[in-house]
PDB file of N, CA and C in Angstrom:
ATOM      1  N   UNK A   1      -2.637  19.518  10.240  1.00  0.00           N
ATOM      2  CA  UNK A   1      -3.351  19.003   9.088  1.00  0.00           C
ATOM      3  C   UNK A   1      -2.576  17.812   8.503  1.00  0.00           C
ATOM      4  N   UNK A   2      -3.343  16.905   7.967  1.00  0.00           N
ATOM      5  CA  UNK A   2      -2.772  15.710   7.338  1.00  0.00           C
ATOM      6  C   UNK A   2      -3.115  15.693   5.849  1.00  0.00           C
ATOM      7  N   UNK A   3      -2.254  15.073   5.087  1.00  0.00           N
ATOM      8  CA  UNK A   3      -2.584  14.774   3.694  1.00  0.00           C
ATOM      9  C   UNK A   3      -2.538  13.253   3.543  1.00  0.00           C
ATOM     10  N   UNK A   4      -3.372  12.746   2.660  1.00  0.00           N
ATOM     11  CA  UNK A   4      -3.516  11.301   2.474  1.00  0.00           C
ATOM     12  C   UNK A   4      -3.271  10.931   1.018  1.00  0.00           C
ATOM     13  N   UNK A   5      -2.801   9.726   0.810  1.00  0.00           N
ATOM     14  CA  UNK A   5      -2.664   9.179  -0.533  1.00  0.00           C
ATOM     15  C   UNK A   5      -3.011   7.695  -0.494  1.00  0.00           C
ATOM     16  N   UNK A   6      -3.476   7.195  -1.610  1.00  0.00           N
ATOM     17  CA  UNK A   6      -3.867   5.791  -1.720  1.00  0.00           C
ATOM     18  C   UNK A   6      -3.043   5.123  -2.805  1.00  0.00           C
ATOM     19  N   UNK A   7      -2.562   3.930  -2.519  1.00  0.00           N
ATOM     20  CA  UNK A   7      -1.800   3.133  -3.487  1.00  0.00           C
ATOM     21  C   UNK A   7      -2.549   1.818  -3.690  1.00  0.00           C
ATOM     22  N   UNK A   8      -2.791   1.467  -4.940  1.00  0.00           N
ATOM     23  CA  UNK A   8      -3.451   0.192  -5.238  1.00  0.00           C
ATOM     24  C   UNK A   8      -2.618  -0.580  -6.253  1.00  0.00           C
ATOM     25  N   UNK A   9      -2.669  -1.895  -6.162  1.00  0.00           N
ATOM     26  CA  UNK A   9      -2.040  -2.726  -7.186  1.00  0.00           C
ATOM     27  C   UNK A   9      -2.724  -4.084  -7.251  1.00  0.00           C
ATOM     28  N   UNK A  10      -2.615  -4.700  -8.411  1.00  0.00           N
ATOM     29  CA  UNK A  10      -3.215  -6.001  -8.680  1.00  0.00           C
ATOM     30  C   UNK A  10      -2.440  -7.086  -7.930  1.00  0.00           C
ATOM     31  N   UNK A  11      -3.161  -7.960  -7.262  1.00  0.00           N
ATOM     32  CA  UNK A  11      -2.509  -9.041  -6.516  1.00  0.00           C
ATOM     33  C   UNK A  11      -3.150 -10.407  -6.800  1.00  0.00           C
ATOM     34  N   UNK A  12      -3.924 -10.487  -7.851  1.00  0.00           N
ATOM     35  CA  UNK A  12      -4.699 -11.701  -8.127  1.00  0.00           C
ATOM     36  C   UNK A  12      -3.825 -12.944  -8.282  1.00  0.00           C
ATOM     37  N   UNK A  13      -2.743 -12.857  -9.039  1.00  0.00           N
ATOM     38  CA  UNK A  13      -1.928 -14.037  -9.325  1.00  0.00           C
ATOM     39  C   UNK A  13      -0.616 -14.075  -8.531  1.00  0.00           C
ATOM     40  N   UNK A  14      -0.508 -13.259  -7.491  1.00  0.00           N
ATOM     41  CA  UNK A  14       0.722 -13.198  -6.710  1.00  0.00           C
ATOM     42  C   UNK A  14       0.774 -14.292  -5.652  1.00  0.00           C
ATOM     43  N   UNK A  15       1.919 -14.918  -5.563  1.00  0.00           N
ATOM     44  CA  UNK A  15       2.186 -15.846  -4.466  1.00  0.00           C
ATOM     45  C   UNK A  15       2.539 -15.009  -3.236  1.00  0.00           C
ATOM     46  N   UNK A  16       2.625 -15.628  -2.102  1.00  0.00           N
ATOM     47  CA  UNK A  16       2.902 -14.912  -0.857  1.00  0.00           C
ATOM     48  C   UNK A  16       4.205 -14.113  -0.933  1.00  0.00           C
ATOM     49  N   UNK A  17       5.260 -14.720  -1.457  1.00  0.00           N
ATOM     50  CA  UNK A  17       6.559 -14.033  -1.540  1.00  0.00           C
ATOM     51  C   UNK A  17       6.508 -12.846  -2.490  1.00  0.00           C
ATOM     52  N   UNK A  18       5.829 -13.008  -3.614  1.00  0.00           N
ATOM     53  CA  UNK A  18       5.716 -11.923  -4.582  1.00  0.00           C
ATOM     54  C   UNK A  18       4.909 -10.773  -4.000  1.00  0.00           C
ATOM     55  N   UNK A  19       3.845 -11.090  -3.324  1.00  0.00           N
ATOM     56  CA  UNK A  19       3.017 -10.063  -2.704  1.00  0.00           C
ATOM     57  C   UNK A  19       3.802  -9.308  -1.633  1.00  0.00           C
ATOM     58  N   UNK A  20       4.609 -10.017  -0.873  1.00  0.00           N
ATOM     59  CA  UNK A  20       5.443  -9.374   0.148  1.00  0.00           C
ATOM     60  C   UNK A  20       6.455  -8.438  -0.494  1.00  0.00           C
ATOM     61  N   UNK A  21       7.090  -8.860  -1.588  1.00  0.00           N
ATOM     62  CA  UNK A  21       8.059  -8.002  -2.281  1.00  0.00           C
ATOM     63  C   UNK A  21       7.398  -6.727  -2.810  1.00  0.00           C
ATOM     64  N   UNK A  22       6.239  -6.888  -3.435  1.00  0.00           N
ATOM     65  CA  UNK A  22       5.516  -5.717  -3.947  1.00  0.00           C
ATOM     66  C   UNK A  22       5.164  -4.760  -2.805  1.00  0.00           C
ATOM     67  N   UNK A  23       4.657  -5.305  -1.723  1.00  0.00           N
ATOM     68  CA  UNK A  23       4.272  -4.479  -0.575  1.00  0.00           C
ATOM     69  C   UNK A  23       5.483  -3.782   0.026  1.00  0.00           C
ATOM     70  N   UNK A  24       6.574  -4.509   0.189  1.00  0.00           N
ATOM     71  CA  UNK A  24       7.796  -3.926   0.750  1.00  0.00           C
ATOM     72  C   UNK A  24       8.307  -2.767  -0.100  1.00  0.00           C
ATOM     73  N   UNK A  25       8.226  -2.907  -1.434  1.00  0.00           N
ATOM     74  CA  UNK A  25       8.651  -1.810  -2.320  1.00  0.00           C
ATOM     75  C   UNK A  25       7.807  -0.564  -2.101  1.00  0.00           C
ATOM     76  N   UNK A  26       6.495  -0.750  -1.970  1.00  0.00           N
ATOM     77  CA  UNK A  26       5.597   0.390  -1.726  1.00  0.00           C
ATOM     78  C   UNK A  26       5.927   1.028  -0.379  1.00  0.00           C
ATOM     79  N   UNK A  27       6.081   0.212   0.670  1.00  0.00           N
ATOM     80  CA  UNK A  27       6.386   0.741   2.002  1.00  0.00           C
ATOM     81  C   UNK A  27       7.706   1.492   2.011  1.00  0.00           C
ATOM     82  N   UNK A  28       8.718   0.963   1.348  1.00  0.00           N
ATOM     83  CA  UNK A  28      10.028   1.612   1.303  1.00  0.00           C
ATOM     84  C   UNK A  28       9.936   2.956   0.587  1.00  0.00           C
ATOM     85  N   UNK A  29       9.289   2.960  -0.566  1.00  0.00           N
ATOM     86  CA  UNK A  29       9.174   4.182  -1.352  1.00  0.00           C
ATOM     87  C   UNK A  29       8.434   5.281  -0.583  1.00  0.00           C
ATOM     88  N   UNK A  30       7.292   4.950  -0.016  1.00  0.00           N
ATOM     89  CA  UNK A  30       6.493   5.956   0.676  1.00  0.00           C
ATOM     90  C   UNK A  30       7.082   6.305   2.039  1.00  0.00           C
ATOM     91  N   UNK A  31       7.718   5.363   2.686  1.00  0.00           N
ATOM     92  CA  UNK A  31       8.369   5.629   3.962  1.00  0.00           C
ATOM     93  C   UNK A  31       9.486   6.650   3.836  1.00  0.00           C
ATOM     94  N   UNK A  32      10.247   6.577   2.760  1.00  0.00           N
ATOM     95  CA  UNK A  32      11.329   7.540   2.518  1.00  0.00           C
ATOM     96  C   UNK A  32      10.798   8.961   2.398  1.00  0.00           C
ATOM     97  N   UNK A  33       9.581   9.089   1.913  1.00  0.00           N
ATOM     98  CA  UNK A  33       8.977  10.409   1.720  1.00  0.00           C
ATOM     99  C   UNK A  33       8.165  10.864   2.929  1.00  0.00           C
ATOM    100  N   UNK A  34       8.244  10.115   4.028  1.00  0.00           N
ATOM    101  CA  UNK A  34       7.590  10.521   5.262  1.00  0.00           C
ATOM    102  C   UNK A  34       6.146  10.075   5.421  1.00  0.00           C
ATOM    103  N   UNK A  35       5.692   9.173   4.558  1.00  0.00           N
ATOM    104  CA  UNK A  35       4.319   8.676   4.652  1.00  0.00           C
ATOM    105  C   UNK A  35       4.237   7.564   5.690  1.00  0.00           C
ATOM    106  N   UNK A  36       3.110   7.507   6.387  1.00  0.00           N
ATOM    107  CA  UNK A  36       2.841   6.491   7.412  1.00  0.00           C
ATOM    108  C   UNK A  36       1.604   5.684   6.991  1.00  0.00           C
ATOM    109  N   UNK A  37       1.711   4.368   7.018  1.00  0.00           N
ATOM    110  CA  UNK A  37       0.585   3.506   6.664  1.00  0.00           C
ATOM    111  C   UNK A  37      -0.494   3.617   7.744  1.00  0.00           C
ATOM    112  N   UNK A  38      -1.740   3.911   7.326  1.00  0.00           N
ATOM    113  CA  UNK A  38      -2.832   4.015   8.296  1.00  0.00           C
ATOM    114  C   UNK A  38      -3.907   2.958   8.085  1.00  0.00           C
ATOM    115  N   UNK A  39      -3.949   2.357   6.885  1.00  0.00           N
ATOM    116  CA  UNK A  39      -4.960   1.341   6.631  1.00  0.00           C
ATOM    117  C   UNK A  39      -4.563   0.544   5.392  1.00  0.00           C
ATOM    118  N   UNK A  40      -4.991  -0.710   5.344  1.00  0.00           N
ATOM    119  CA  UNK A  40      -4.819  -1.494   4.125  1.00  0.00           C
ATOM    120  C   UNK A  40      -5.982  -2.462   4.010  1.00  0.00           C
ATOM    121  N   UNK A  41      -6.284  -2.823   2.782  1.00  0.00           N
ATOM    122  CA  UNK A  41      -7.334  -3.790   2.518  1.00  0.00           C
ATOM    123  C   UNK A  41      -6.944  -4.643   1.332  1.00  0.00           C
ATOM    124  N   UNK A  42      -7.411  -5.846   1.356  1.00  0.00           N
ATOM    125  CA  UNK A  42      -7.286  -6.765   0.234  1.00  0.00           C
ATOM    126  C   UNK A  42      -8.713  -6.933  -0.279  1.00  0.00           C
ATOM    127  N   UNK A  43      -9.010  -6.349  -1.432  1.00  0.00           N
ATOM    128  CA  UNK A  43     -10.397  -6.280  -1.909  1.00  0.00           C
ATOM    129  C   UNK A  43     -10.571  -7.002  -3.236  1.00  0.00           C
ATOM    130  N   UNK A  44     -11.796  -7.172  -3.637  1.00  0.00           N
ATOM    131  CA  UNK A  44     -12.108  -7.806  -4.905  1.00  0.00           C
ATOM    132  C   UNK A  44     -12.232  -9.311  -4.757  1.00  0.00           C
ATOM    133  N   UNK A  45     -12.594  -9.928  -5.856  1.00  0.00           N
ATOM    134  CA  UNK A  45     -12.730 -11.384  -5.877  1.00  0.00           C
ATOM    135  C   UNK A  45     -11.386 -12.039  -5.613  1.00  0.00           C
ATOM    136  N   UNK A  46     -11.337 -12.924  -4.639  1.00  0.00           N
ATOM    137  CA  UNK A  46     -10.114 -13.656  -4.277  1.00  0.00           C
ATOM    138  C   UNK A  46      -8.979 -12.728  -3.855  1.00  0.00           C
ATOM    139  N   UNK A  47      -9.288 -11.554  -3.335  1.00  0.00           N
ATOM    140  CA  UNK A  47      -8.247 -10.621  -2.908  1.00  0.00           C
ATOM    141  C   UNK A  47      -7.428 -10.128  -4.067  1.00  0.00           C
ATOM    142  N   UNK A  48      -8.089  -9.743  -5.137  1.00  0.00           N
ATOM    143  CA  UNK A  48      -7.394  -9.414  -6.383  1.00  0.00           C
ATOM    144  C   UNK A  48      -6.744  -8.036  -6.405  1.00  0.00           C
ATOM    145  N   UNK A  49      -6.987  -7.210  -5.380  1.00  0.00           N
ATOM    146  CA  UNK A  49      -6.387  -5.886  -5.373  1.00  0.00           C
ATOM    147  C   UNK A  49      -5.989  -5.497  -3.954  1.00  0.00           C
ATOM    148  N   UNK A  50      -4.805  -4.960  -3.815  1.00  0.00           N
ATOM    149  CA  UNK A  50      -4.327  -4.453  -2.530  1.00  0.00           C
ATOM    150  C   UNK A  50      -4.505  -2.945  -2.526  1.00  0.00           C
ATOM    151  N   UNK A  51      -4.977  -2.419  -1.402  1.00  0.00           N
ATOM    152  CA  UNK A  51      -5.188  -0.986  -1.248  1.00  0.00           C
ATOM    153  C   UNK A  51      -4.494  -0.543   0.033  1.00  0.00           C
ATOM    154  N   UNK A  52      -3.553   0.386  -0.101  1.00  0.00           N
ATOM    155  CA  UNK A  52      -2.846   0.947   1.049  1.00  0.00           C
ATOM    156  C   UNK A  52      -3.202   2.420   1.159  1.00  0.00           C
ATOM    157  N   UNK A  53      -3.475   2.887   2.374  1.00  0.00           N
ATOM    158  CA  UNK A  53      -3.747   4.298   2.616  1.00  0.00           C
ATOM    159  C   UNK A  53      -2.640   4.826   3.516  1.00  0.00           C
ATOM    160  N   UNK A  54      -1.987   5.900   3.068  1.00  0.00           N
ATOM    161  CA  UNK A  54      -0.886   6.520   3.799  1.00  0.00           C
ATOM    162  C   UNK A  54      -1.259   7.945   4.174  1.00  0.00           C
ATOM    163  N   UNK A  55      -0.648   8.444   5.266  1.00  0.00           N
ATOM    164  CA  UNK A  55      -0.820   9.848   5.641  1.00  0.00           C
ATOM    165  C   UNK A  55       0.531  10.408   6.050  1.00  0.00           C
ATOM    166  N   UNK A  56       0.611  11.740   5.972  1.00  0.00           N
ATOM    167  CA  UNK A  56       1.770  12.449   6.499  1.00  0.00           C
ATOM    168  C   UNK A  56       1.329  13.872   6.831  1.00  0.00           C
ATOM    169  N   UNK A  57       2.109  14.511   7.659  1.00  0.00           N
ATOM    170  CA  UNK A  57       1.768  15.872   8.043  1.00  0.00           C
ATOM    171  C   UNK A  57       1.921  16.787   6.834  1.00  0.00           C
ATOM    172  N   UNK A  58       0.911  17.616   6.628  1.00  0.00           N
ATOM    173  CA  UNK A  58       0.913  18.508   5.477  1.00  0.00           C
ATOM    174  C   UNK A  58       1.976  19.576   5.668  1.00  0.00           C
ATOM    175  N   UNK A  59       2.735  19.815   4.620  1.00  0.00           N
ATOM    176  CA  UNK A  59       3.840  20.788   4.693  1.00  0.00           C
ATOM    177  C   UNK A  59       3.387  22.168   4.299  1.00  0.00           C
TER     178      UNK A  59
END
């Protein structure tokens, strides 16, 4: 069995470097807890929101 979680954050006014830093922080935090990225989307007008979907084996 798997469990899933979704992380979203505002990215409307982020430059490429800022967006990378924000994403890296999310990946580092969830990676430490055993989560694996399974999907991501940049949604909204002008890509104003980032959505990451993570999964890990249910304990």
